[in-house]
Amino acid sequence: MPTETLLSLKQLAESYLLRTMSDEEYNVAQKKAKIKLARIIEREENANNVKLTSRYLAQLIAEEVNSELFYNYCMMMKDLKTLEKKEMPATKVARQI
């Protein structure tokens, strides 16, 4: 992958995210982004080598991090709703007393 700037791939992805990433977060996202990139290139080919640039991969890494954060947020909200439903009968009984 050609180097386009003096920034590392992680720093470039962080610039798209507007925040820093832990090494673990970066490594997981990078692996998933590389798999996604391979599927994209296989399906759509690689127009003018655009998809082999560091910037393109960094965007996919940032996208993967955001996707994981949103997924975790959604799961947390689902868990909260489930917890509220379990606690609701006790709350109703307490209100009746």
C-alpha atoms as a PDB file:
ATOM      1  CA  MET A   1       0.000   0.000   0.000  1.00  0.00           C
ATOM      2  CA  PRO A   2       1.654   3.292  -1.046  1.00  0.00           C
ATOM      3  CA  THR A   3       2.333   5.892   1.616  1.00  0.00           C
ATOM      4  CA  GLU A   4       0.521   9.110   0.717  1.00  0.00           C
ATOM      5  CA  THR A   5       1.354  11.192   3.748  1.00  0.00           C
ATOM      6  CA  LEU A   6       3.669  11.191   6.723  1.00  0.00           C
ATOM      7  CA  LEU A   7       0.765  10.096   8.921  1.00  0.00           C
ATOM      8  CA  SER A   8       0.468   6.460   9.890  1.00  0.00           C
ATOM      9  CA  LEU A   9      -2.634   4.588   8.824  1.00  0.00           C
ATOM     10  CA  LYS A  10      -3.873   4.746  12.423  1.00  0.00           C
ATOM     11  CA  GLN A  11      -3.339   8.514  12.592  1.00  0.00           C
ATOM     12  CA  LEU A  12      -5.110   8.968   9.278  1.00  0.00           C
ATOM     13  CA  ALA A  13      -8.104   6.919  10.494  1.00  0.00           C
ATOM     14  CA  GLU A  14      -8.113   8.931  13.724  1.00  0.00           C
ATOM     15  CA  SER A  15      -8.231  12.140  11.714  1.00  0.00           C
ATOM     16  CA  TYR A  16     -11.420  10.879  10.024  1.00  0.00           C
ATOM     17  CA  LEU A  17     -12.869   9.839  13.394  1.00  0.00           C
ATOM     18  CA  LEU A  18     -11.856  13.098  15.092  1.00  0.00           C
ATOM     19  CA  ARG A  19     -10.627  11.089  18.087  1.00  0.00           C
ATOM     20  CA  THR A  20      -7.901   8.661  19.066  1.00  0.00           C
ATOM     21  CA  MET A  21      -8.237   4.878  19.081  1.00  0.00           C
ATOM     22  CA  SER A  22      -6.737   2.317  21.406  1.00  0.00           C
ATOM     23  CA  ASP A  23      -4.313  -0.125  19.783  1.00  0.00           C
ATOM     24  CA  GLU A  24      -6.796  -2.960  20.313  1.00  0.00           C
ATOM     25  CA  GLU A  25      -9.645  -0.977  18.775  1.00  0.00           C
ATOM     26  CA  TYR A  26      -7.440  -0.095  15.806  1.00  0.00           C
ATOM     27  CA  ASN A  27      -6.185  -3.648  15.255  1.00  0.00           C
ATOM     28  CA  VAL A  28      -9.689  -5.144  15.275  1.00  0.00           C
ATOM     29  CA  ALA A  29     -11.023  -2.428  12.959  1.00  0.00           C
ATOM     30  CA  GLN A  30      -8.066  -2.748  10.600  1.00  0.00           C
ATOM     31  CA  LYS A  31      -8.572  -6.501  10.184  1.00  0.00           C
ATOM     32  CA  LYS A  32     -12.273  -6.046   9.424  1.00  0.00           C
ATOM     33  CA  ALA A  33     -11.570  -3.115   7.084  1.00  0.00           C
ATOM     34  CA  LYS A  34      -9.032  -5.143   5.084  1.00  0.00           C
ATOM     35  CA  ILE A  35     -11.559  -7.951   4.649  1.00  0.00           C
ATOM     36  CA  LYS A  36     -14.180  -5.417   3.546  1.00  0.00           C
ATOM     37  CA  LEU A  37     -11.708  -3.820   1.131  1.00  0.00           C
ATOM     38  CA  ALA A  38     -10.934  -7.196  -0.451  1.00  0.00           C
ATOM     39  CA  ARG A  39     -14.670  -7.841  -0.961  1.00  0.00           C
ATOM     40  CA  ILE A  40     -15.171  -4.367  -2.462  1.00  0.00           C
ATOM     41  CA  ILE A  41     -12.286  -4.817  -4.891  1.00  0.00           C
ATOM     42  CA  GLU A  42     -13.516  -8.290  -5.840  1.00  0.00           C
ATOM     43  CA  ARG A  43     -17.039  -7.007  -6.482  1.00  0.00           C
ATOM     44  CA  GLU A  44     -16.358  -3.587  -8.025  1.00  0.00           C
ATOM     45  CA  GLU A  45     -12.762  -3.900  -9.149  1.00  0.00           C
ATOM     46  CA  ASN A  46     -10.237  -1.182  -8.375  1.00  0.00           C
ATOM     47  CA  ALA A  47     -10.892   1.903 -10.458  1.00  0.00           C
ATOM     48  CA  ASN A  48      -7.582   3.719 -11.009  1.00  0.00           C
ATOM     49  CA  ASN A  49      -6.101   2.100  -7.871  1.00  0.00           C
ATOM     50  CA  VAL A  50      -8.196   4.427  -5.693  1.00  0.00           C
ATOM     51  CA  LYS A  51      -9.159   1.575  -3.404  1.00  0.00           C
ATOM     52  CA  LEU A  52      -5.536   0.642  -2.740  1.00  0.00           C
ATOM     53  CA  THR A  53      -4.672   3.987  -1.193  1.00  0.00           C
ATOM     54  CA  SER A  54      -3.984   4.478   2.501  1.00  0.00           C
ATOM     55  CA  ARG A  55      -6.724   7.076   2.650  1.00  0.00           C
ATOM     56  CA  TYR A  56      -9.360   4.656   1.398  1.00  0.00           C
ATOM     57  CA  LEU A  57      -8.338   1.987   3.905  1.00  0.00           C
ATOM     58  CA  ALA A  58      -8.220   4.583   6.696  1.00  0.00           C
ATOM     59  CA  GLN A  59     -11.787   5.608   5.830  1.00  0.00           C
ATOM     60  CA  LEU A  60     -12.884   1.981   6.031  1.00  0.00           C
ATOM     61  CA  ILE A  61     -11.146   1.622   9.402  1.00  0.00           C
ATOM     62  CA  ALA A  62     -12.901   4.741  10.714  1.00  0.00           C
ATOM     63  CA  GLU A  63     -16.201   3.429   9.350  1.00  0.00           C
ATOM     64  CA  GLU A  64     -15.666   0.110  11.137  1.00  0.00           C
ATOM     65  CA  VAL A  65     -14.902   1.840  14.445  1.00  0.00           C
ATOM     66  CA  ASN A  66     -18.045   3.981  14.155  1.00  0.00           C
ATOM     67  CA  SER A  67     -20.083   0.929  13.223  1.00  0.00           C
ATOM     68  CA  GLU A  68     -18.836  -0.986  16.264  1.00  0.00           C
ATOM     69  CA  LEU A  69     -19.545   1.961  18.574  1.00  0.00           C
ATOM     70  CA  PHE A  70     -23.070   2.316  17.225  1.00  0.00           C
ATOM     71  CA  TYR A  71     -23.675  -1.429  17.541  1.00  0.00           C
ATOM     72  CA  ASN A  72     -22.503  -1.377  21.157  1.00  0.00           C
ATOM     73  CA  TYR A  73     -24.728   1.621  21.887  1.00  0.00           C
ATOM     74  CA  CYS A  74     -27.756  -0.138  20.390  1.00  0.00           C
ATOM     75  CA  MET A  75     -27.080  -3.293  22.392  1.00  0.00           C
ATOM     76  CA  MET A  76     -26.722  -1.271  25.581  1.00  0.00           C
ATOM     77  CA  MET A  77     -30.047   0.475  24.933  1.00  0.00           C
ATOM     78  CA  LYS A  78     -31.702  -2.891  24.261  1.00  0.00           C
ATOM     79  CA  ASP A  79     -30.340  -4.207  27.550  1.00  0.00           C
ATOM     80  CA  LEU A  80     -31.656  -1.144  29.387  1.00  0.00           C
ATOM     81  CA  LYS A  81     -35.109  -1.596  27.868  1.00  0.00           C
ATOM     82  CA  THR A  82     -35.075  -5.277  28.854  1.00  0.00           C
ATOM     83  CA  LEU A  83     -34.060  -4.360  32.384  1.00  0.00           C
ATOM     84  CA  GLU A  84     -36.823  -1.745  32.586  1.00  0.00           C
ATOM     85  CA  LYS A  85     -39.406  -4.321  31.507  1.00  0.00           C
ATOM     86  CA  LYS A  86     -38.207  -6.769  34.176  1.00  0.00           C
ATOM     87  CA  GLU A  87     -38.332  -4.104  36.881  1.00  0.00           C
ATOM     88  CA  MET A  88     -41.684  -2.703  35.814  1.00  0.00           C
ATOM     89  CA  PRO A  89     -43.933  -5.207  37.660  1.00  0.00           C
ATOM     90  CA  ALA A  90     -42.187  -4.474  40.962  1.00  0.00           C
ATOM     91  CA  THR A  91     -42.498  -0.749  40.313  1.00  0.00           C
ATOM     92  CA  LYS A  92     -46.246  -1.110  39.672  1.00  0.00           C
ATOM     93  CA  VAL A  93     -46.712  -3.053  42.895  1.00  0.00           C
ATOM     94  CA  ALA A  94     -44.739  -0.470  44.869  1.00  0.00           C
ATOM     95  CA  ARG A  95     -46.884   2.333  43.452  1.00  0.00           C
ATOM     96  CA  GLN A  96     -50.081   0.563  44.475  1.00  0.00           C
ATOM     97  CA  ILE A  97     -49.014   0.311  48.101  1.00  0.00           C
END
